[in-house]
């Protein structure tokens, strides 16, 4: 058995190096960043190694040469100067009001003022910040390194409170603006976050930041590549395969299917989720590790608030301007969902500059869709796995009546306010389509599913070992019309030579009852 110690939840570079934890060498990129520019921003999903990256930069620019023995940067750096570092971490706080933000900024400022002078302690936050930067430079004779971890956490938590969002933005904008006004005193400034708020937000004044989130040169700076798995964790790979009773090839395939698939630029290599990968190797078991550590409640609220079409979300096309920035005045949830790591780049049309998005991997797809179900139906989170299991069993045994009765129960008792917004007819239709999308996405984890939606109708193909189901869903039509469409469009044609039993099913959904009204089978 290998003696690898996995740095799960450990974000301090010095601790990792001194205590013998596994470290995947990212220091060549750290050297490049520090020696080719001054102001950077990096957006990556949570638990992707952003905090460890900042800790590595901090140790490097504090001149802690001994921590880098055997790493790439050891051969690149010759001087090892020590710079003053101001490291602000906004992650570990709940920002319920402006006082919460004031408190944490004040906490860090007092710490820095104890080192460099507190003559401006009674002034505004941004004035104190500027003074600390100036004093740090004059005290040490070296320009200052400023590292801000999860710069966007306060605003992300206030995504659905426009007034609080505005107040937090008005506080952070001048505070971060100090980075520009104090340029002569700054060696390096690096901000990380999950999202990039743009236009009328805190970044509008920070036009000197180089955004490396979609920069090919830095695709591998966070996360783990397939090459790195084989370079640093080959023994772990063999041990996982042995524990699971499968061969190495199958183990690699399952790792790729569950945890790979993040693409932060077009045509780039896939990046594995580091948190999930390390947990899998440590526990020698495949699981939903990343999703279990944090639920995207703010995303679900955004989807519901904007009455967004989930089918569109999973098959969306957009451009770099949308992906790169969250306009605080916009109600488009796609940039937030993409930047949070629930969608990633799947394809790119260079001629028109259009990105096609989709779920990065099985862990995210399964976790996200399971999480959505209780928000769109009357099914509790605890009962979701049971209900999906029942659906799958009913489909596998050909019990379509039980399947549709269960589906009816998903729509029953759904509060009216969950469904309707400013356009009740459109929103009722969208709600029924969203529930079907969630159910069939989850069923599709166990059976083969093809699903299409357009203009108030859905066509669906479900395949199991013994059965093929062709379904057409109508809104405010009749089940007969839906069945007629299956026959007229010859949906069954590709399956005429198939030995499995074929069911053609027409289904009608009534917006009056907000439920499935009738189904007929041929």
Protein backbone atom coordinates (compact mmCIF):
# COMPACT_ATOMS: atom_id res chain seq x y z
CA UNK A 1 0.00 0.00 0.00
CA UNK A 2 1.32 3.47 -0.93
CA UNK A 3 2.06 5.96 1.83
CA UNK A 4 0.54 8.90 -0.04
CA UNK A 5 -1.07 11.50 2.23
CA UNK A 6 -3.78 13.36 0.32
CA UNK A 7 -4.20 17.10 1.07
CA UNK A 8 -8.00 16.99 1.28
CA UNK A 9 -9.28 20.30 2.60
CA UNK A 10 -5.72 21.59 3.16
CA UNK A 11 -5.09 24.89 1.41
CA UNK A 12 -1.81 25.94 3.02
CA UNK A 13 1.22 25.33 0.82
CA UNK A 14 3.70 25.42 3.71
CA UNK A 15 1.76 22.79 5.65
CA UNK A 16 1.52 20.53 2.59
CA UNK A 17 5.27 20.73 1.96
CA UNK A 18 6.44 20.41 5.57
CA UNK A 19 4.04 17.61 6.52
CA UNK A 20 4.67 15.46 3.46
CA UNK A 21 1.30 15.72 1.73
CA UNK A 22 0.97 15.00 -1.98
CA UNK A 23 1.67 18.16 -3.99
CA UNK A 24 1.08 18.40 -7.72
CA UNK A 25 3.64 20.87 -8.97
CA UNK A 26 2.04 24.07 -10.30
CA UNK A 27 5.05 26.28 -9.54
CA UNK A 28 6.14 26.82 -13.15
CA UNK A 29 2.89 28.75 -13.69
CA UNK A 30 3.38 30.64 -10.42
CA UNK A 31 6.81 31.79 -11.61
CA UNK A 32 5.43 32.81 -14.98
CA UNK A 33 2.61 34.83 -13.39
CA UNK A 34 4.86 36.65 -10.96
CA UNK A 35 7.47 37.54 -13.54
CA UNK A 36 5.38 38.50 -16.57
CA UNK A 37 2.65 40.72 -15.12
CA UNK A 38 1.30 42.51 -12.06
CA UNK A 39 -2.51 42.24 -11.88
CA UNK A 40 -4.45 39.01 -12.33
CA UNK A 41 -7.91 37.54 -11.86
CA UNK A 42 -8.74 33.83 -11.93
CA UNK A 43 -12.22 32.35 -11.82
CA UNK A 44 -12.58 28.66 -11.00
CA UNK A 45 -15.32 26.60 -9.30
CA UNK A 46 -15.18 26.07 -5.54
CA UNK A 47 -12.85 23.36 -4.21
CA UNK A 48 -10.68 23.65 -7.31
CA UNK A 49 -7.41 24.72 -5.69
CA UNK A 50 -7.64 28.52 -5.86
CA UNK A 51 -6.77 29.00 -2.18
CA UNK A 52 -3.78 26.65 -2.44
CA UNK A 53 -2.59 28.56 -5.50
CA UNK A 54 -2.64 31.85 -3.56
CA UNK A 55 -0.86 30.19 -0.64
CA UNK A 56 1.83 28.95 -3.05
CA UNK A 57 2.27 32.44 -4.50
CA UNK A 58 2.50 33.83 -0.95
CA UNK A 59 5.23 31.37 0.09
CA UNK A 60 7.18 32.04 -3.12
CA UNK A 61 7.07 35.82 -2.83
CA UNK A 62 7.93 35.69 0.85
CA UNK A 63 11.15 34.05 -0.31
CA UNK A 64 10.63 30.69 1.44
CA UNK A 65 13.05 28.86 -0.83
CA UNK A 66 13.27 25.72 1.33
CA UNK A 67 9.59 24.88 0.65
CA UNK A 68 10.25 24.61 -3.08
CA UNK A 69 13.02 22.01 -3.07
CA UNK A 70 12.56 19.64 -6.00
CA UNK A 71 9.83 21.73 -7.63
CA UNK A 72 9.95 23.39 -11.06
CA UNK A 73 10.38 26.90 -9.65
CA UNK A 74 13.63 25.92 -7.88
CA UNK A 75 15.41 25.89 -11.25
CA UNK A 76 13.72 29.06 -12.48
CA UNK A 77 14.13 31.49 -9.56
CA UNK A 78 17.63 32.78 -8.78
CA UNK A 79 17.06 35.69 -6.35
CA UNK A 80 14.35 34.58 -3.86
CA UNK A 81 13.46 38.08 -2.64
CA UNK A 82 11.04 38.49 0.28
CA UNK A 83 8.11 40.85 -0.40
CA UNK A 84 5.47 42.06 2.08
CA UNK A 85 2.25 40.10 1.47
CA UNK A 86 -1.30 41.26 2.28
CA UNK A 87 -3.51 38.17 2.03
CA UNK A 88 -7.28 38.74 2.34
CA UNK A 89 -9.58 35.69 2.46
CA UNK A 90 -13.32 36.46 2.20
CA UNK A 91 -14.41 32.84 2.05
CA UNK A 92 -15.12 31.90 5.66
CA UNK A 93 -17.90 34.33 6.50
CA UNK A 94 -21.64 34.64 6.00
CA UNK A 95 -22.47 38.09 4.61
CA UNK A 96 -26.00 38.75 5.80
CA UNK A 97 -25.49 42.54 5.84
CA UNK A 98 -22.88 45.25 5.28
CA UNK A 99 -21.73 44.99 8.90
CA UNK A 100 -20.48 41.44 8.22
CA UNK A 101 -18.27 42.73 5.40
CA UNK A 102 -17.08 45.74 7.41
CA UNK A 103 -16.16 43.39 10.26
CA UNK A 104 -13.93 41.08 8.22
CA UNK A 105 -12.23 43.92 6.31
CA UNK A 106 -11.59 45.70 9.59
CA UNK A 107 -10.16 42.49 11.08
CA UNK A 108 -7.59 42.17 8.29
CA UNK A 109 -6.76 45.88 8.27
CA UNK A 110 -6.07 45.86 12.02
CA UNK A 111 -3.75 42.89 11.56
CA UNK A 112 -1.81 44.70 8.81
CA UNK A 113 -1.83 48.01 10.71
CA UNK A 114 -0.18 46.27 13.67
CA UNK A 115 2.73 45.48 11.33
CA UNK A 116 2.97 48.66 9.29
CA UNK A 117 1.32 51.51 11.21
CA UNK A 118 -2.18 52.45 12.36
CA UNK A 119 -2.12 56.22 11.95
CA UNK A 120 -5.18 56.11 9.65
CA UNK A 121 -7.19 53.67 11.79
CA UNK A 122 -10.12 56.08 12.19
CA UNK A 123 -10.55 56.64 8.43
CA UNK A 124 -12.58 54.78 5.78
CA UNK A 125 -11.75 51.18 4.86
CA UNK A 126 -10.28 52.02 1.45
CA UNK A 127 -8.16 54.88 2.85
CA UNK A 128 -6.74 52.55 5.51
CA UNK A 129 -6.03 49.89 2.87
CA UNK A 130 -4.15 52.39 0.69
CA UNK A 131 -2.15 53.60 3.69
CA UNK A 132 -1.18 50.04 4.71
CA UNK A 133 0.07 49.35 1.16
CA UNK A 134 2.15 52.54 1.17
CA UNK A 135 3.57 51.84 4.65
CA UNK A 136 4.38 48.20 3.81
CA UNK A 137 6.39 49.39 0.82
CA UNK A 138 8.20 52.14 2.71
CA UNK A 139 8.90 49.92 5.73
CA UNK A 140 10.36 46.98 3.79
CA UNK A 141 11.72 48.71 0.70
CA UNK A 142 9.91 46.16 -1.46
CA UNK A 143 6.73 46.47 -3.46
CA UNK A 144 3.67 44.80 -1.94
CA UNK A 145 1.98 41.53 -2.93
CA UNK A 146 -1.82 41.58 -2.54
CA UNK A 147 -3.75 38.31 -2.63
CA UNK A 148 -7.56 38.35 -2.38
CA UNK A 149 -9.22 34.95 -2.09
CA UNK A 150 -12.93 34.59 -3.04
CA UNK A 151 -13.28 38.31 -3.71
CA UNK A 152 -16.90 37.74 -4.83
CA UNK A 153 -18.23 35.76 -1.84
CA UNK A 154 -20.22 38.68 -0.34
CA UNK A 155 -21.99 39.51 -3.61
CA UNK A 156 -22.60 35.88 -4.50
CA UNK A 157 -24.43 35.38 -1.22
CA UNK A 158 -26.58 38.44 -1.97
CA UNK A 159 -27.47 37.37 -5.49
CA UNK A 160 -31.23 37.58 -4.80
CA UNK A 161 -31.19 40.70 -2.67
CA UNK A 162 -30.72 43.64 -5.03
CA UNK A 163 -30.51 46.20 -2.26
CA UNK A 164 -27.85 44.32 -0.26
CA UNK A 165 -25.98 43.51 -3.46
CA UNK A 166 -25.84 47.24 -4.26
CA UNK A 167 -24.62 48.10 -0.75
CA UNK A 168 -21.88 45.45 -0.80
CA UNK A 169 -20.81 46.52 -4.27
CA UNK A 170 -20.57 50.14 -3.17
CA UNK A 171 -18.27 49.05 -0.33
CA UNK A 172 -16.05 46.73 -2.36
CA UNK A 173 -15.71 48.91 -5.44
CA UNK A 174 -13.58 51.65 -3.79
CA UNK A 175 -11.78 49.07 -1.63
CA UNK A 176 -10.63 47.05 -4.65
CA UNK A 177 -10.10 50.29 -6.56
CA UNK A 178 -7.10 50.93 -4.27
CA UNK A 179 -5.22 48.32 -6.33
CA UNK A 180 -5.26 50.72 -9.26
CA UNK A 181 -4.53 53.96 -7.40
CA UNK A 182 -1.59 52.43 -5.50
CA UNK A 183 0.00 50.84 -8.57
CA UNK A 184 3.47 52.27 -7.86
CA UNK A 185 3.66 50.37 -4.55
CA UNK A 186 2.40 47.00 -5.81
CA UNK A 187 4.56 44.10 -7.04
CA UNK A 188 1.67 41.69 -7.71
CA UNK A 189 -2.09 41.63 -7.11
CA UNK A 190 -4.02 38.40 -7.61
CA UNK A 191 -7.77 38.03 -7.09
CA UNK A 192 -9.64 34.73 -7.23
CA UNK A 193 -13.32 33.95 -7.14
CA UNK A 194 -16.03 31.71 -8.47
CA UNK A 195 -17.54 34.44 -10.63
CA UNK A 196 -16.62 37.62 -12.42
CA UNK A 197 -19.08 40.42 -11.77
CA UNK A 198 -18.82 42.92 -14.60
CA UNK A 199 -20.16 46.14 -16.08
CA UNK A 200 -21.80 48.05 -13.22
CA UNK A 201 -19.99 45.98 -10.63
CA UNK A 202 -16.68 46.01 -8.76
CA UNK A 203 -14.63 45.15 -11.84
CA UNK A 204 -15.69 48.19 -13.84
CA UNK A 205 -12.90 50.29 -12.27
CA UNK A 206 -10.37 47.46 -12.22
CA UNK A 207 -9.60 47.49 -15.93
CA UNK A 208 -5.92 46.82 -15.24
CA UNK A 209 -6.62 43.21 -14.17
CA UNK A 210 -5.58 40.46 -16.58
CA UNK A 211 -8.31 37.82 -16.52
CA UNK A 212 -6.62 34.43 -16.97
CA UNK A 213 -9.82 32.40 -16.42
CA UNK A 214 -10.13 31.59 -20.14
CA UNK A 215 -6.44 31.90 -21.00
CA UNK A 216 -4.88 28.84 -22.69
CA UNK A 217 -1.54 29.51 -20.99
CA UNK A 218 -3.06 28.87 -17.56
CA UNK A 219 -5.63 26.15 -18.21
CA UNK A 220 -3.75 23.71 -15.94
CA UNK A 221 -3.00 26.12 -13.08
CA UNK A 222 -5.80 24.63 -10.94
CA UNK A 223 -7.26 21.16 -11.09
CA UNK A 224 -5.56 17.95 -12.19
CA UNK A 225 -4.81 16.67 -15.70
CA UNK A 226 -4.75 13.06 -16.84
CA UNK A 227 -0.99 13.31 -17.28
CA UNK A 228 -0.63 14.49 -13.67
CA UNK A 229 -2.67 11.52 -12.43
CA UNK A 230 -0.17 9.14 -14.05
CA UNK A 231 2.84 11.22 -12.97
CA UNK A 232 1.93 11.69 -9.31
CA UNK A 233 -0.71 9.07 -8.51
CA UNK A 234 -0.02 5.94 -10.52
CA UNK A 235 0.22 3.77 -7.37
CA UNK A 236 -3.06 5.26 -6.11
CA UNK A 237 -4.65 4.32 -9.43
CA UNK A 238 -3.62 0.67 -9.05
CA UNK A 239 -4.84 0.58 -5.45
CA UNK A 240 -8.23 2.03 -6.44
CA UNK A 241 -8.58 -0.55 -9.22
CA UNK A 242 -7.75 -3.36 -6.80
CA UNK A 243 -10.19 -2.07 -4.17
CA UNK A 244 -12.96 -1.84 -6.77
CA UNK A 245 -12.20 -5.23 -8.31
CA UNK A 246 -11.73 -3.80 -11.80
CA UNK A 247 -8.73 -3.38 -14.08
CA UNK A 248 -6.71 -0.19 -14.53
CA UNK A 249 -8.29 0.64 -17.86
CA UNK A 250 -11.82 0.48 -16.43
CA UNK A 251 -10.71 2.52 -13.40
CA UNK A 252 -9.34 5.28 -15.66
CA UNK A 253 -12.55 5.24 -17.70
CA UNK A 254 -14.72 5.62 -14.56
CA UNK A 255 -12.52 8.41 -13.17
CA UNK A 256 -12.77 10.26 -16.47
CA UNK A 257 -16.53 9.79 -16.73
CA UNK A 258 -17.18 10.97 -13.16
CA UNK A 259 -14.61 13.71 -12.53
CA UNK A 260 -12.96 14.89 -15.78
CA UNK A 261 -14.48 17.13 -18.42
CA UNK A 262 -13.85 20.69 -17.23
CA UNK A 263 -12.81 22.86 -20.17
CA UNK A 264 -12.00 26.49 -19.38
CA UNK A 265 -11.08 27.44 -22.96
CA UNK A 266 -12.02 26.07 -26.35
CA UNK A 267 -10.10 23.00 -27.57
CA UNK A 268 -8.25 22.60 -24.26
CA UNK A 269 -7.45 19.38 -22.45
CA UNK A 270 -9.94 18.16 -19.88
CA UNK A 271 -9.31 19.05 -16.24
CA UNK A 272 -10.31 16.73 -13.39
CA UNK A 273 -12.00 18.06 -10.29
CA UNK A 274 -9.14 17.83 -7.74
CA UNK A 275 -11.34 17.53 -4.65
CA UNK A 276 -13.33 14.58 -6.01
CA UNK A 277 -10.25 12.87 -7.42
CA UNK A 278 -8.24 13.05 -4.19
CA UNK A 279 -11.20 11.85 -2.13
CA UNK A 280 -11.69 8.91 -4.49
CA UNK A 281 -8.05 7.86 -4.15
CA UNK A 282 -8.04 8.38 -0.37
CA UNK A 283 -11.26 6.41 0.24
CA UNK A 284 -10.73 4.01 -2.69
CA UNK A 285 -14.36 4.51 -3.62
CA UNK A 286 -16.22 6.46 -6.31
CA UNK A 287 -18.57 9.05 -4.83
CA UNK A 288 -20.16 12.49 -5.26
CA UNK A 289 -17.56 14.25 -3.15
CA UNK A 290 -17.57 17.74 -4.69
CA UNK A 291 -21.33 18.01 -4.74
CA UNK A 292 -21.72 16.80 -1.15
CA UNK A 293 -19.53 19.63 0.20
CA UNK A 294 -21.77 22.47 -0.93
CA UNK A 295 -25.22 22.80 -2.44
CA UNK A 296 -25.93 25.40 -5.12
CA UNK A 297 -29.04 26.89 -3.46
CA UNK A 298 -28.31 30.35 -4.94
CA UNK A 299 -28.30 28.80 -8.43
CA UNK A 300 -31.64 27.05 -7.93
CA UNK A 301 -33.19 30.25 -6.62
CA UNK A 302 -31.85 32.05 -9.69
CA UNK A 303 -33.26 29.39 -12.05
CA UNK A 304 -36.67 29.53 -10.39
CA UNK A 305 -36.69 33.32 -10.13
CA UNK A 306 -35.96 33.71 -13.85
CA UNK A 307 -38.28 30.81 -14.84
CA UNK A 308 -35.45 29.31 -16.82
CA UNK A 309 -35.84 26.38 -19.22
CA UNK A 310 -33.64 23.60 -17.83
CA UNK A 311 -33.48 21.88 -21.21
CA UNK A 312 -31.97 25.06 -22.63
CA UNK A 313 -29.56 25.26 -19.69
CA UNK A 314 -28.12 21.82 -20.47
CA UNK A 315 -27.86 22.56 -24.19
CA UNK A 316 -27.03 26.25 -24.22
CA UNK A 317 -24.93 28.20 -26.70
CA UNK A 318 -23.41 31.56 -25.86
CA UNK A 319 -20.39 33.81 -26.45
CA UNK A 320 -17.30 34.73 -24.43
CA UNK A 321 -18.74 38.05 -23.24
CA UNK A 322 -21.59 36.25 -21.49
CA UNK A 323 -19.37 33.53 -20.03
CA UNK A 324 -16.78 35.98 -18.78
CA UNK A 325 -18.93 38.31 -16.77
CA UNK A 326 -21.97 38.42 -14.54
CA UNK A 327 -23.84 41.66 -15.01
CA UNK A 328 -25.46 42.35 -11.66
CA UNK A 329 -28.45 43.88 -13.46
CA UNK A 330 -28.99 40.81 -15.65
CA UNK A 331 -31.24 37.85 -14.91
CA UNK A 332 -29.39 35.39 -17.14
CA UNK A 333 -28.35 32.49 -14.88
CA UNK A 334 -25.99 30.88 -17.41
CA UNK A 335 -22.78 32.81 -16.53
CA UNK A 336 -23.28 32.04 -12.82
CA UNK A 337 -23.93 28.35 -13.51
CA UNK A 338 -20.94 28.11 -15.86
CA UNK A 339 -18.52 29.97 -13.59
CA UNK A 340 -19.72 27.95 -10.57
CA UNK A 341 -18.65 24.76 -12.35
CA UNK A 342 -22.03 23.16 -13.10
CA UNK A 343 -21.63 23.74 -16.84
CA UNK A 344 -18.47 23.73 -18.92
CA UNK A 345 -17.36 24.28 -22.53
CA UNK A 346 -18.23 21.30 -24.71
CA UNK A 347 -17.65 22.73 -28.18
CA UNK A 348 -16.70 25.97 -29.93
CA UNK A 349 -17.67 27.53 -33.26
CA UNK A 350 -14.65 29.66 -34.17
CA UNK A 351 -16.41 31.36 -37.10
CA UNK A 352 -19.09 32.93 -34.91
CA UNK A 353 -17.31 32.80 -31.53
CA UNK A 354 -20.06 30.64 -30.02
CA UNK A 355 -19.51 28.23 -27.13
CA UNK A 356 -21.68 25.17 -26.58
CA UNK A 357 -22.07 24.31 -22.90
CA UNK A 358 -23.00 21.14 -21.05
CA UNK A 359 -22.48 19.27 -17.80
CA UNK A 360 -18.75 18.54 -17.31
CA UNK A 361 -19.14 15.02 -15.96
CA UNK A 362 -21.43 12.45 -14.37
CA UNK A 363 -20.84 13.60 -10.79
CA UNK A 364 -22.02 17.14 -11.57
CA UNK A 365 -24.90 16.12 -13.84
CA UNK A 366 -26.31 13.58 -11.41
CA UNK A 367 -25.74 15.74 -8.32
CA UNK A 368 -27.18 18.92 -9.80
CA UNK A 369 -30.30 17.33 -11.28
CA UNK A 370 -31.00 15.34 -8.09
CA UNK A 371 -30.66 18.56 -6.13
CA UNK A 372 -33.15 20.34 -8.41
CA UNK A 373 -36.01 17.84 -8.01
CA UNK A 374 -37.36 18.92 -4.58
CA UNK A 375 -37.38 22.57 -5.71
CA UNK A 376 -39.65 21.80 -8.68
CA UNK A 377 -41.89 19.06 -7.22
CA UNK A 378 -43.44 17.96 -3.93
CA UNK A 379 -40.83 15.18 -3.56
CA UNK A 380 -38.45 15.66 -0.64
CA UNK A 381 -34.69 15.36 -1.06
CA UNK A 382 -34.67 12.28 1.17
CA UNK A 383 -37.20 10.49 -1.06
CA UNK A 384 -35.59 11.43 -4.39
CA UNK A 385 -33.36 8.31 -4.77
CA UNK A 386 -36.30 6.03 -3.88
CA UNK A 387 -38.66 7.70 -6.37
CA UNK A 388 -36.10 7.57 -9.19
CA UNK A 389 -35.38 3.91 -8.38
CA UNK A 390 -39.10 3.15 -8.63
CA UNK A 391 -39.32 4.94 -11.99
CA UNK A 392 -36.44 2.88 -13.35
CA UNK A 393 -37.90 -0.41 -12.08
CA UNK A 394 -41.28 0.38 -13.64
CA UNK A 395 -39.68 1.16 -16.99
CA UNK A 396 -37.52 -1.96 -16.91
CA UNK A 397 -40.56 -4.18 -16.20
CA UNK A 398 -42.83 -2.56 -18.79
CA UNK A 399 -45.20 -1.14 -16.15
CA UNK A 400 -45.94 2.14 -17.92
CA UNK A 401 -49.21 2.80 -16.05
CA UNK A 402 -47.40 2.79 -12.69
CA UNK A 403 -44.75 5.02 -14.24
CA UNK A 404 -47.28 7.67 -15.34
CA UNK A 405 -49.21 7.52 -12.07
CA UNK A 406 -45.95 8.19 -10.24
CA UNK A 407 -45.25 11.06 -12.64
CA UNK A 408 -48.69 12.48 -11.91
CA UNK A 409 -47.86 12.45 -8.20
CA UNK A 410 -44.75 14.55 -8.94
CA UNK A 411 -46.97 17.31 -10.31
CA UNK A 412 -49.66 17.01 -7.64
CA UNK A 413 -49.65 19.46 -4.73
CA UNK A 414 -46.94 21.64 -6.24
CA UNK A 415 -47.57 25.14 -4.81
CA UNK A 416 -48.98 27.50 -7.43
CA UNK A 417 -46.39 30.19 -6.65
CA UNK A 418 -43.59 27.74 -7.53
CA UNK A 419 -45.00 27.48 -11.03
CA UNK A 420 -46.22 30.91 -12.01
CA UNK A 421 -44.53 34.23 -12.47
CA UNK A 422 -45.59 37.21 -14.54
CA UNK A 423 -46.76 35.00 -17.44
CA UNK A 424 -48.84 32.16 -15.90
CA UNK A 425 -49.52 30.27 -19.13
CA UNK A 426 -45.90 30.28 -20.27
CA UNK A 427 -44.61 29.52 -16.79
CA UNK A 428 -47.00 26.59 -16.31
CA UNK A 429 -45.78 25.10 -19.58
CA UNK A 430 -42.18 25.68 -18.56
CA UNK A 431 -42.75 24.09 -15.16
CA UNK A 432 -44.14 20.92 -16.68
CA UNK A 433 -41.25 20.76 -19.14
CA UNK A 434 -38.71 21.35 -16.35
CA UNK A 435 -40.13 18.56 -14.17
CA UNK A 436 -40.04 16.15 -17.13
CA UNK A 437 -36.48 17.23 -17.91
CA UNK A 438 -35.35 16.51 -14.33
CA UNK A 439 -37.13 13.14 -14.15
CA UNK A 440 -35.86 11.90 -17.49
CA UNK A 441 -32.34 13.16 -16.83
CA UNK A 442 -32.29 11.10 -13.64
CA UNK A 443 -33.90 8.07 -15.29
CA UNK A 444 -31.31 8.46 -18.05
CA UNK A 445 -28.55 7.65 -15.58
CA UNK A 446 -29.84 4.06 -15.65
CA UNK A 447 -31.43 3.73 -19.10
CA UNK A 448 -30.84 5.19 -22.54
CA UNK A 449 -32.79 8.41 -23.03
CA UNK A 450 -33.21 10.78 -25.98
CA UNK A 451 -35.15 13.90 -25.10
CA UNK A 452 -36.23 16.86 -27.26
CA UNK A 453 -38.41 19.86 -26.52
CA UNK A 454 -39.96 22.53 -28.77
CA UNK A 455 -43.03 24.77 -28.66
CA UNK A 456 -45.14 23.17 -25.98
CA UNK A 457 -44.33 19.58 -26.89
CA UNK A 458 -41.77 16.98 -25.93
CA UNK A 459 -40.75 13.81 -27.70
CA UNK A 460 -38.88 11.16 -25.85
CA UNK A 461 -37.25 7.78 -26.49
CA UNK A 462 -36.52 5.50 -23.52
CA UNK A 463 -34.65 2.24 -24.06
CA UNK A 464 -34.08 -0.64 -21.65
CA UNK A 465 -32.87 -4.20 -22.23
CA UNK A 466 -36.39 -5.46 -22.95
CA UNK A 467 -38.44 -2.41 -23.94
CA UNK A 468 -38.44 0.69 -26.13
CA UNK A 469 -40.78 3.55 -25.27
CA UNK A 470 -41.65 6.26 -27.80
CA UNK A 471 -43.47 9.10 -26.04
CA UNK A 472 -44.98 12.31 -27.29
CA UNK A 473 -46.16 14.90 -24.72
CA UNK A 474 -48.73 17.55 -25.65
CA UNK A 475 -49.78 20.62 -23.70
CA UNK A 476 -53.55 21.32 -23.75
CA UNK A 477 -54.09 18.97 -26.68
CA UNK A 478 -55.16 15.33 -26.51
CA UNK A 479 -53.35 12.05 -25.90
CA UNK A 480 -54.77 10.89 -29.26
CA UNK A 481 -53.12 13.80 -31.08
CA UNK A 482 -49.82 12.98 -29.41
CA UNK A 483 -50.05 9.30 -30.47
CA UNK A 484 -51.05 10.33 -33.99
CA UNK A 485 -47.93 12.47 -34.22
CA UNK A 486 -45.72 9.48 -33.30
CA UNK A 487 -47.25 7.54 -36.18
CA UNK A 488 -47.30 10.37 -38.71
CA UNK A 489 -43.67 11.32 -38.02
CA UNK A 490 -42.69 7.64 -38.10
CA UNK A 491 -40.74 7.81 -34.84
CA UNK A 492 -40.78 4.01 -34.68
CA UNK A 493 -39.01 3.52 -38.02
CA UNK A 494 -35.46 3.15 -36.57
CA UNK A 495 -36.68 0.32 -34.28
CA UNK A 496 -38.63 -1.91 -36.72
CA UNK A 497 -35.91 -4.57 -36.74
CA UNK A 498 -35.34 -4.41 -33.00
CA UNK A 499 -36.35 -7.50 -30.98
CA UNK A 500 -37.41 -5.50 -27.96
CA UNK A 501 -41.07 -4.75 -27.27
CA UNK A 502 -42.07 -1.30 -28.53
CA UNK A 503 -44.59 0.97 -26.77
CA UNK A 504 -45.92 4.10 -28.48
CA UNK A 505 -47.39 6.42 -25.86
CA UNK A 506 -49.31 9.67 -26.37
CA UNK A 507 -49.54 11.93 -23.31
CA UNK A 508 -51.47 15.14 -22.69
CA UNK A 509 -50.67 17.69 -20.00
CA UNK A 510 -53.43 20.09 -18.90
CA UNK A 511 -52.46 23.60 -17.80
CA UNK A 512 -55.84 23.88 -16.07
CA UNK A 513 -55.14 20.99 -13.68
CA UNK A 514 -51.35 21.53 -13.93
CA UNK A 515 -50.88 17.79 -14.32
CA UNK A 516 -50.86 14.89 -16.78
CA UNK A 517 -54.47 14.56 -17.89
CA UNK A 518 -54.34 11.30 -19.88
CA UNK A 519 -52.06 8.83 -21.67
CA UNK A 520 -52.82 6.16 -24.27
CA UNK A 521 -50.60 3.30 -25.43
CA UNK A 522 -50.34 1.50 -28.75
